N, C-alpha and C. Protein backbone atom coordinates (compact mmCIF):
# COMPACT_ATOMS: atom_id res chain seq x y z
N MET A 1 -16.41 -10.45 21.53
CA MET A 1 -14.22 -10.39 21.21
C MET A 1 -13.88 -9.26 21.90
N PRO A 2 -13.07 -9.34 22.60
CA PRO A 2 -12.64 -8.55 23.67
C PRO A 2 -11.60 -8.03 22.92
N LEU A 3 -10.43 -7.10 21.75
CA LEU A 3 -9.55 -7.21 21.99
C LEU A 3 -8.98 -6.61 23.11
N ASP A 4 -7.05 -7.15 22.95
CA ASP A 4 -6.31 -6.31 23.50
C ASP A 4 -5.85 -5.39 23.41
N PHE A 5 -4.92 -4.88 23.79
CA PHE A 5 -4.54 -2.57 23.23
C PHE A 5 -3.16 -3.93 22.46
N MET A 6 -2.63 -5.00 22.95
CA MET A 6 -1.19 -5.31 21.77
C MET A 6 -1.63 -5.71 20.45
N THR A 7 -2.65 -6.01 20.37
CA THR A 7 -3.80 -7.11 19.28
C THR A 7 -4.08 -6.03 18.23
N ALA A 8 -4.97 -4.90 19.65
CA ALA A 8 -5.11 -3.68 18.51
C ALA A 8 -4.29 -3.09 17.39
N LEU A 9 -3.08 -3.35 18.39
CA LEU A 9 -1.24 -2.45 18.45
C LEU A 9 -0.91 -2.87 16.82
N ASP A 10 -1.11 -4.41 16.93
CA ASP A 10 -0.67 -5.85 15.97
C ASP A 10 -0.97 -4.83 14.75
N ILE A 11 -2.92 -4.93 14.54
CA ILE A 11 -3.73 -4.79 13.53
C ILE A 11 -3.57 -2.90 13.60
N ALA A 12 -3.70 -2.45 13.57
CA ALA A 12 -2.65 -0.53 13.22
C ALA A 12 -1.81 -1.53 12.52
N ALA A 13 -0.26 -1.09 12.71
CA ALA A 13 1.14 -2.03 12.55
C ALA A 13 0.99 -2.13 11.49
N SER A 14 -0.18 -3.63 10.84
CA SER A 14 0.05 -4.25 9.97
C SER A 14 -0.62 -3.09 8.53
N GLY A 15 -1.38 -2.69 9.18
CA GLY A 15 -2.40 -1.39 7.96
C GLY A 15 -1.35 0.02 7.95
N LEU A 16 -0.38 -0.09 8.83
CA LEU A 16 0.69 0.73 8.43
C LEU A 16 2.02 0.27 7.54
N SER A 17 2.46 -1.03 7.91
CA SER A 17 3.54 -1.38 7.13
C SER A 17 2.48 -1.78 5.41
N ALA A 18 1.30 -2.49 5.52
CA ALA A 18 1.25 -2.13 4.29
C ALA A 18 0.39 -0.87 3.23
N GLN A 19 0.40 0.06 3.71
CA GLN A 19 0.38 1.13 3.31
C GLN A 19 1.58 1.54 2.81
N ARG A 20 2.51 1.62 4.13
CA ARG A 20 4.28 2.84 3.33
C ARG A 20 4.38 2.08 1.76
N ILE A 21 3.50 0.54 1.47
CA ILE A 21 4.58 -0.13 0.49
C ILE A 21 3.46 0.54 0.38
N ASN A 22 2.02 0.07 0.03
CA ASN A 22 1.55 1.12 -1.25
C ASN A 22 1.61 2.59 -1.27
N LEU A 23 2.47 2.81 -0.49
CA LEU A 23 2.84 4.03 -1.28
C LEU A 23 4.37 4.51 -2.17
N ASN A 24 5.33 3.78 -1.54
CA ASN A 24 5.99 3.64 -2.73
C ASN A 24 6.29 3.25 -3.67
N VAL A 25 4.93 2.62 -4.00
CA VAL A 25 4.69 1.67 -5.45
C VAL A 25 3.55 3.16 -5.79
N ILE A 26 2.81 3.91 -5.52
CA ILE A 26 2.21 4.74 -6.38
C ILE A 26 3.62 6.31 -6.16
N SER A 27 4.20 6.75 -5.33
CA SER A 27 5.59 7.03 -6.08
C SER A 27 6.39 6.82 -6.79
N MET A 28 6.23 4.99 -6.80
CA MET A 28 7.05 5.13 -8.50
C MET A 28 6.51 5.24 -9.38
N ASN A 29 5.25 4.67 -9.75
CA ASN A 29 4.56 5.26 -10.58
C ASN A 29 4.25 6.49 -11.37
N LEU A 30 4.98 7.87 -10.23
CA LEU A 30 4.51 9.05 -11.21
C LEU A 30 6.11 8.78 -10.95
N ALA A 31 7.25 8.36 -10.70
CA ALA A 31 8.41 9.16 -11.09
C ALA A 31 8.84 8.62 -12.82
N ASN A 32 7.67 7.61 -12.88
CA ASN A 32 7.27 6.77 -13.98
C ASN A 32 6.85 6.74 -15.00
N ILE A 33 6.48 8.59 -14.75
CA ILE A 33 5.50 9.19 -16.09
C ILE A 33 5.47 8.81 -17.21
N ASN A 34 7.26 9.77 -17.39
CA ASN A 34 7.14 9.56 -19.01
C ASN A 34 8.91 8.64 -19.06
N THR A 35 8.65 7.55 -18.97
CA THR A 35 9.28 6.89 -18.84
C THR A 35 10.44 5.72 -19.91
N THR A 36 9.72 5.70 -20.91
CA THR A 36 9.32 5.41 -22.00
C THR A 36 10.29 4.25 -22.41
N ARG A 37 12.00 3.89 -22.28
CA ARG A 37 11.97 3.08 -22.06
C ARG A 37 12.53 2.07 -20.57
N THR A 38 12.97 0.91 -20.76
CA THR A 38 12.93 0.24 -19.61
C THR A 38 14.23 -0.98 -19.82
N PRO A 39 15.00 -1.28 -18.46
CA PRO A 39 15.70 -2.59 -19.14
C PRO A 39 15.27 -4.34 -19.47
N GLU A 40 14.26 -3.62 -19.24
CA GLU A 40 12.77 -4.49 -20.31
C GLU A 40 12.58 -4.93 -21.21
N GLY A 41 12.40 -3.58 -21.83
CA GLY A 41 12.03 -3.32 -22.52
C GLY A 41 10.53 -2.16 -23.01
N GLY A 42 10.98 -1.40 -23.62
CA GLY A 42 9.36 -0.25 -23.45
C GLY A 42 9.50 0.41 -22.19
N PRO A 43 8.01 0.73 -22.31
CA PRO A 43 7.76 1.56 -21.81
C PRO A 43 7.97 0.53 -20.08
N TYR A 44 7.61 1.74 -19.11
CA TYR A 44 7.37 1.54 -17.62
C TYR A 44 6.01 1.40 -17.34
N ARG A 45 5.48 0.61 -17.25
CA ARG A 45 4.05 -0.02 -16.64
C ARG A 45 3.63 0.04 -15.21
N ARG A 46 2.88 0.49 -14.65
CA ARG A 46 2.29 1.02 -13.63
C ARG A 46 2.82 -0.45 -13.40
N LYS A 47 2.25 -0.53 -11.43
CA LYS A 47 1.96 -1.11 -10.81
C LYS A 47 1.22 -0.91 -9.50
N GLU A 48 0.66 -2.04 -9.37
CA GLU A 48 -0.65 -2.03 -8.27
C GLU A 48 -0.01 -2.62 -6.91
N VAL A 49 -1.17 -2.19 -5.20
CA VAL A 49 -0.94 -2.99 -4.88
C VAL A 49 -2.24 -4.75 -4.89
N ILE A 50 -1.96 -5.24 -4.16
CA ILE A 50 -3.22 -5.75 -4.44
C ILE A 50 -3.36 -6.66 -2.46
N PHE A 51 -3.66 -7.05 -1.50
CA PHE A 51 -4.68 -6.59 0.26
C PHE A 51 -5.38 -8.01 -0.09
N ARG A 52 -4.29 -8.45 0.79
CA ARG A 52 -5.55 -9.50 2.63
C ARG A 52 -5.08 -9.25 3.11
N ALA A 53 -6.44 -10.16 3.96
CA ALA A 53 -6.18 -10.80 5.68
C ALA A 53 -5.25 -10.95 6.04
N ALA A 54 -4.73 -11.19 6.78
CA ALA A 54 -3.53 -11.87 6.81
C ALA A 54 -3.87 -11.86 9.11
N PRO A 55 -4.36 -13.71 9.54
CA PRO A 55 -3.43 -13.63 10.75
C PRO A 55 -2.69 -12.95 11.34
N ILE A 56 -2.82 -11.93 12.73
CA ILE A 56 -2.33 -11.03 13.84
C ILE A 56 -1.05 -12.73 14.26
N LYS A 57 -0.31 -12.33 13.69
CA LYS A 57 0.98 -12.83 14.76
C LYS A 57 0.98 -12.91 16.58
N TRP A 58 0.38 -13.23 16.73
CA TRP A 58 0.03 -13.34 18.49
C TRP A 58 1.88 -13.59 19.48
N PRO A 59 2.59 -13.12 20.52
CA PRO A 59 3.59 -13.06 21.08
C PRO A 59 3.47 -14.23 21.78
N PHE A 60 2.70 -15.04 22.20
CA PHE A 60 2.49 -16.53 22.81
C PHE A 60 1.47 -17.03 22.17
N ASP A 61 2.09 -18.64 21.85
CA ASP A 61 -0.03 -19.19 21.95
C ASP A 61 -0.19 -19.06 23.65
N ASN A 62 -2.06 -19.36 23.80
CA ASN A 62 -2.39 -20.23 23.84
C ASN A 62 -4.14 -21.23 23.73
N LEU A 63 -5.48 -21.41 24.38
CA LEU A 63 -5.81 -21.66 24.24
C LEU A 63 -7.12 -20.54 22.77
N MET A 64 -7.18 -19.92 23.41
CA MET A 64 -7.73 -18.08 23.42
C MET A 64 -7.71 -17.90 22.78
N ARG A 65 -6.68 -17.56 22.24
CA ARG A 65 -5.17 -16.53 21.47
C ARG A 65 -5.58 -17.88 20.17
N SER A 66 -6.24 -18.55 20.18
CA SER A 66 -6.14 -19.55 18.83
C SER A 66 -7.53 -20.25 18.37
N GLU A 67 -8.20 -20.30 19.02
CA GLU A 67 -9.81 -19.78 19.15
C GLU A 67 -10.22 -18.38 18.53
N LEU A 68 -9.27 -17.05 19.06
CA LEU A 68 -9.14 -15.49 18.84
C LEU A 68 -8.42 -16.10 17.40
N GLU A 69 -7.92 -16.86 17.35
CA GLU A 69 -6.87 -15.69 15.79
C GLU A 69 -7.13 -15.78 13.67
N SER A 70 -8.71 -17.35 14.72
CA SER A 70 -9.23 -17.07 13.33
C SER A 70 -10.26 -16.33 12.77
N GLN A 71 -10.59 -15.24 13.82
CA GLN A 71 -11.71 -14.43 13.97
C GLN A 71 -10.92 -12.54 13.80
N VAL A 72 -9.19 -13.21 13.81
CA VAL A 72 -9.29 -11.72 13.84
C VAL A 72 -8.14 -11.26 13.48
N LYS A 73 -8.03 -10.79 12.55
CA LYS A 73 -7.09 -10.04 11.00
C LYS A 73 -6.79 -9.15 11.22
N GLY A 74 -5.08 -9.54 10.04
CA GLY A 74 -5.26 -7.09 9.79
C GLY A 74 -4.91 -7.80 8.20
N VAL A 75 -3.78 -6.57 8.04
CA VAL A 75 -3.47 -6.73 6.36
C VAL A 75 -2.01 -6.44 6.22
N LYS A 76 -2.11 -7.26 5.50
CA LYS A 76 -0.69 -7.61 4.58
C LYS A 76 -0.90 -7.68 2.42
N VAL A 77 0.61 -7.07 2.40
CA VAL A 77 0.67 -6.82 0.30
C VAL A 77 0.14 -8.49 -0.17
N ASN A 78 -0.71 -9.28 -0.75
CA ASN A 78 -0.66 -10.58 -1.09
C ASN A 78 -0.04 -9.96 -1.93
N ARG A 79 0.49 -9.44 -2.96
CA ARG A 79 1.08 -9.21 -4.77
C ARG A 79 1.65 -7.84 -4.79
N ILE A 80 2.06 -7.62 -5.81
CA ILE A 80 2.15 -6.85 -6.40
C ILE A 80 2.07 -6.51 -8.41
N VAL A 81 0.58 -6.37 -8.96
CA VAL A 81 1.54 -6.50 -10.03
C VAL A 81 1.40 -5.46 -10.85
N GLU A 82 1.42 -5.57 -12.22
CA GLU A 82 1.68 -5.03 -13.04
C GLU A 82 0.26 -4.59 -13.79
N ASP A 83 -0.12 -3.30 -14.05
CA ASP A 83 -1.78 -2.70 -14.61
C ASP A 83 -1.04 -4.02 -15.51
N ASN A 84 -2.37 -4.12 -16.93
CA ASN A 84 -1.86 -4.30 -18.45
C ASN A 84 -3.68 -3.51 -18.58
N THR A 85 -3.11 -2.51 -18.65
CA THR A 85 -4.52 -1.58 -19.72
C THR A 85 -2.96 -0.89 -20.61
N PRO A 86 -4.06 -0.46 -21.94
CA PRO A 86 -3.46 -0.48 -22.88
C PRO A 86 -1.92 1.11 -22.65
N PHE A 87 -1.32 1.38 -23.00
CA PHE A 87 0.12 2.91 -22.74
C PHE A 87 -1.02 3.52 -23.77
N ARG A 88 0.13 4.59 -23.61
CA ARG A 88 -1.08 5.96 -24.54
C ARG A 88 -0.33 6.05 -25.87
N ARG A 89 -0.81 6.39 -26.29
CA ARG A 89 0.20 6.55 -28.25
C ARG A 89 -0.28 8.17 -27.47
N VAL A 90 1.27 8.60 -28.08
CA VAL A 90 1.75 9.87 -28.19
C VAL A 90 2.31 11.06 -29.31
N TYR A 91 1.43 11.50 -30.36
CA TYR A 91 2.65 11.70 -31.56
C TYR A 91 3.47 12.63 -31.26
N ASP A 92 5.20 12.43 -30.96
CA ASP A 92 6.33 13.00 -30.92
C ASP A 92 7.89 12.22 -32.17
N PRO A 93 7.16 12.68 -33.75
CA PRO A 93 8.09 12.07 -34.41
C PRO A 93 9.80 12.06 -33.34
N GLY A 94 9.52 13.39 -33.42
CA GLY A 94 11.71 13.69 -33.28
C GLY A 94 12.34 13.26 -31.50
N ASN A 95 11.36 12.17 -30.84
CA ASN A 95 11.25 11.51 -29.91
C ASN A 95 12.34 10.26 -30.48
N PRO A 96 13.55 9.51 -29.02
CA PRO A 96 13.87 8.59 -30.62
C PRO A 96 13.42 7.13 -30.31
N ASP A 97 12.07 6.85 -29.24
CA ASP A 97 12.42 5.95 -29.30
C ASP A 97 10.42 5.65 -30.08
N ALA A 98 10.41 6.40 -30.38
CA ALA A 98 8.91 6.88 -32.01
C ALA A 98 9.74 6.05 -33.02
N ASP A 99 7.74 5.12 -33.38
CA ASP A 99 7.71 4.08 -33.98
C ASP A 99 8.39 5.26 -35.87
N LYS A 100 7.35 4.59 -37.08
CA LYS A 100 7.89 4.51 -38.32
C LYS A 100 6.71 5.16 -37.99
N ASP A 101 5.43 5.75 -37.20
CA ASP A 101 5.09 6.63 -37.73
C ASP A 101 5.09 7.71 -36.66
N GLY A 102 6.05 7.88 -36.41
CA GLY A 102 6.40 9.17 -35.03
C GLY A 102 5.58 8.78 -33.74
N TYR A 103 4.54 7.63 -33.51
CA TYR A 103 3.94 7.61 -32.33
C TYR A 103 4.73 7.08 -31.43
N VAL A 104 4.99 7.67 -29.75
CA VAL A 104 5.48 7.03 -28.93
C VAL A 104 4.43 6.49 -27.46
N LEU A 105 5.28 5.18 -27.04
CA LEU A 105 4.26 5.17 -26.16
C LEU A 105 4.61 4.77 -24.67
N TYR A 106 3.67 5.81 -24.05
CA TYR A 106 4.00 6.05 -22.51
C TYR A 106 3.69 5.34 -21.88
N PRO A 107 3.87 5.61 -19.91
CA PRO A 107 3.32 4.34 -19.65
C PRO A 107 2.17 4.47 -18.88
N ASN A 108 1.12 4.01 -18.71
CA ASN A 108 -0.10 4.04 -18.48
C ASN A 108 -0.14 4.46 -17.72
N ILE A 109 0.26 5.01 -16.72
CA ILE A 109 -0.61 5.98 -15.45
C ILE A 109 -1.47 7.40 -15.82
N ASN A 110 -2.11 7.61 -14.59
CA ASN A 110 -2.27 8.80 -15.19
C ASN A 110 -2.17 9.21 -13.30
N VAL A 111 -2.07 11.05 -14.11
CA VAL A 111 -1.55 10.62 -12.82
C VAL A 111 -2.99 11.59 -11.40
N VAL A 112 -3.76 11.36 -11.94
CA VAL A 112 -5.24 12.17 -10.82
C VAL A 112 -5.83 11.01 -10.79
N GLU A 113 -5.71 9.60 -11.11
CA GLU A 113 -5.96 8.06 -10.40
C GLU A 113 -4.35 7.61 -9.16
N GLU A 114 -3.61 8.26 -10.00
CA GLU A 114 -2.95 8.23 -8.99
C GLU A 114 -2.33 9.26 -7.47
N MET A 115 -2.67 10.39 -8.02
CA MET A 115 -2.84 11.14 -6.53
C MET A 115 -4.25 10.93 -5.32
N ALA A 116 -5.10 10.32 -6.75
CA ALA A 116 -6.31 9.94 -5.81
C ALA A 116 -6.72 8.18 -4.54
N ASN A 117 -5.27 7.59 -5.13
CA ASN A 117 -4.53 6.75 -5.18
C ASN A 117 -3.58 7.21 -3.36
N MET A 118 -2.96 8.13 -4.02
CA MET A 118 -2.03 7.66 -2.69
C MET A 118 -2.46 9.23 -2.27
N LEU A 119 -3.66 10.08 -2.08
CA LEU A 119 -4.66 10.93 -1.08
C LEU A 119 -4.95 9.18 -0.35
N THR A 120 -6.01 8.77 -0.38
CA THR A 120 -6.21 7.42 0.13
C THR A 120 -5.85 6.60 1.43
N SER A 121 -4.29 6.48 0.83
CA SER A 121 -3.42 5.55 0.70
C SER A 121 -2.59 6.38 1.89
N LEU A 122 -2.54 7.57 2.25
CA LEU A 122 -2.50 9.12 2.99
C LEU A 122 -3.30 8.86 4.59
N ARG A 123 -4.09 9.26 3.73
CA ARG A 123 -5.61 8.51 4.55
C ARG A 123 -5.42 7.37 5.86
N SER A 124 -5.84 6.21 5.13
CA SER A 124 -5.38 5.01 5.67
C SER A 124 -4.57 4.89 6.73
N TYR A 125 -3.32 5.53 6.37
CA TYR A 125 -2.04 5.04 7.25
C TYR A 125 -1.79 6.66 8.02
N GLU A 126 -2.76 7.54 8.25
CA GLU A 126 -3.04 8.52 8.95
C GLU A 126 -3.75 8.24 10.27
N ALA A 127 -4.85 7.56 9.90
CA ALA A 127 -5.18 6.13 11.22
C ALA A 127 -5.31 5.97 11.24
N ASN A 128 -4.24 5.25 11.45
CA ASN A 128 -3.83 4.13 11.83
C ASN A 128 -2.43 4.37 12.67
N LEU A 129 -2.31 5.88 11.89
CA LEU A 129 -1.26 5.96 13.20
C LEU A 129 -2.14 7.08 14.89
N SER A 130 -3.46 7.74 13.95
CA SER A 130 -3.88 8.41 15.10
C SER A 130 -4.48 7.26 16.04
N THR A 131 -4.65 5.73 15.54
CA THR A 131 -5.05 4.78 16.89
C THR A 131 -3.68 4.33 17.32
N ILE A 132 -3.19 3.73 16.79
CA ILE A 132 -1.57 3.92 17.38
C ILE A 132 -1.23 4.54 18.56
N SER A 133 -1.58 5.98 18.11
CA SER A 133 -1.19 7.08 19.91
C SER A 133 -2.71 6.75 20.31
N SER A 134 -4.13 6.42 20.32
CA SER A 134 -5.19 6.54 20.98
C SER A 134 -4.94 5.24 22.14
N ILE A 135 -4.28 4.48 21.17
CA ILE A 135 -3.63 2.84 22.44
C ILE A 135 -2.33 3.39 22.85
N LYS A 136 -1.42 3.75 22.36
CA LYS A 136 -0.76 4.47 24.08
C LYS A 136 -1.11 5.56 24.68
N THR A 137 -2.28 6.59 24.44
CA THR A 137 -2.52 7.12 25.92
C THR A 137 -3.20 5.78 25.73
N MET A 138 -4.72 5.80 26.06
CA MET A 138 -5.32 4.60 26.89
C MET A 138 -4.06 3.55 28.02
N LEU A 139 -2.69 2.63 27.26
CA LEU A 139 -2.03 1.90 27.80
C LEU A 139 -1.75 3.07 29.08
N SER A 140 -1.33 4.55 28.54
CA SER A 140 -0.65 5.11 29.63
C SER A 140 -1.79 5.16 30.79
N GLN A 141 -3.29 5.49 30.85
CA GLN A 141 -3.66 5.49 31.65
C GLN A 141 -4.03 4.74 32.06
N ALA A 142 -3.80 3.73 31.66
CA ALA A 142 -4.52 2.39 33.11
C ALA A 142 -3.05 2.24 33.12
N LEU A 143 -2.05 2.41 33.34
CA LEU A 143 -0.79 2.19 34.30
C LEU A 143 -1.16 3.17 35.74
N GLN A 144 -1.58 3.89 34.48
CA GLN A 144 -1.43 4.92 35.79
C GLN A 144 -2.47 4.95 36.80
N ILE A 145 -3.53 4.76 36.17
CA ILE A 145 -4.69 3.38 37.26
C ILE A 145 -3.66 2.54 38.12
N ALA A 146 -3.40 2.34 37.52
CA ALA A 146 -3.31 1.22 38.94
C ALA A 146 -2.42 1.24 39.60
N ARG A 147 -1.28 2.54 39.20
CA ARG A 147 -0.19 2.57 40.26
C ARG A 147 -0.72 3.07 42.18
């Protein structure tokens, strides 16, 4: 099944978009690592992005595209979910959010895990950018040959 340049661009662009959302969620988690009180009540709960394969939207329809559509997939964000792991319980009796025993519930965020997720997401983002750059170079060279 040969892929044309535009299809490859669409696949890489879907990856860029999904990883941008993932990076935003990871950044939000890191920014709220010490948030013990949210408008909903209680500490901030870590969020996680769930991806899914999604058909590429073709710029035009024809029989061949319809046949390929079921086979060629990009990536989309399916949903953003809250992580239900327990909150961190820290003894801090001076904190205004401390319970009667002096413990405060902090978000269920592990900095090391978030940084590893961020690096993975950044590498994926960079790989998609590299793919787009390569496609642009190939398109440019194809146009040079056509002249």
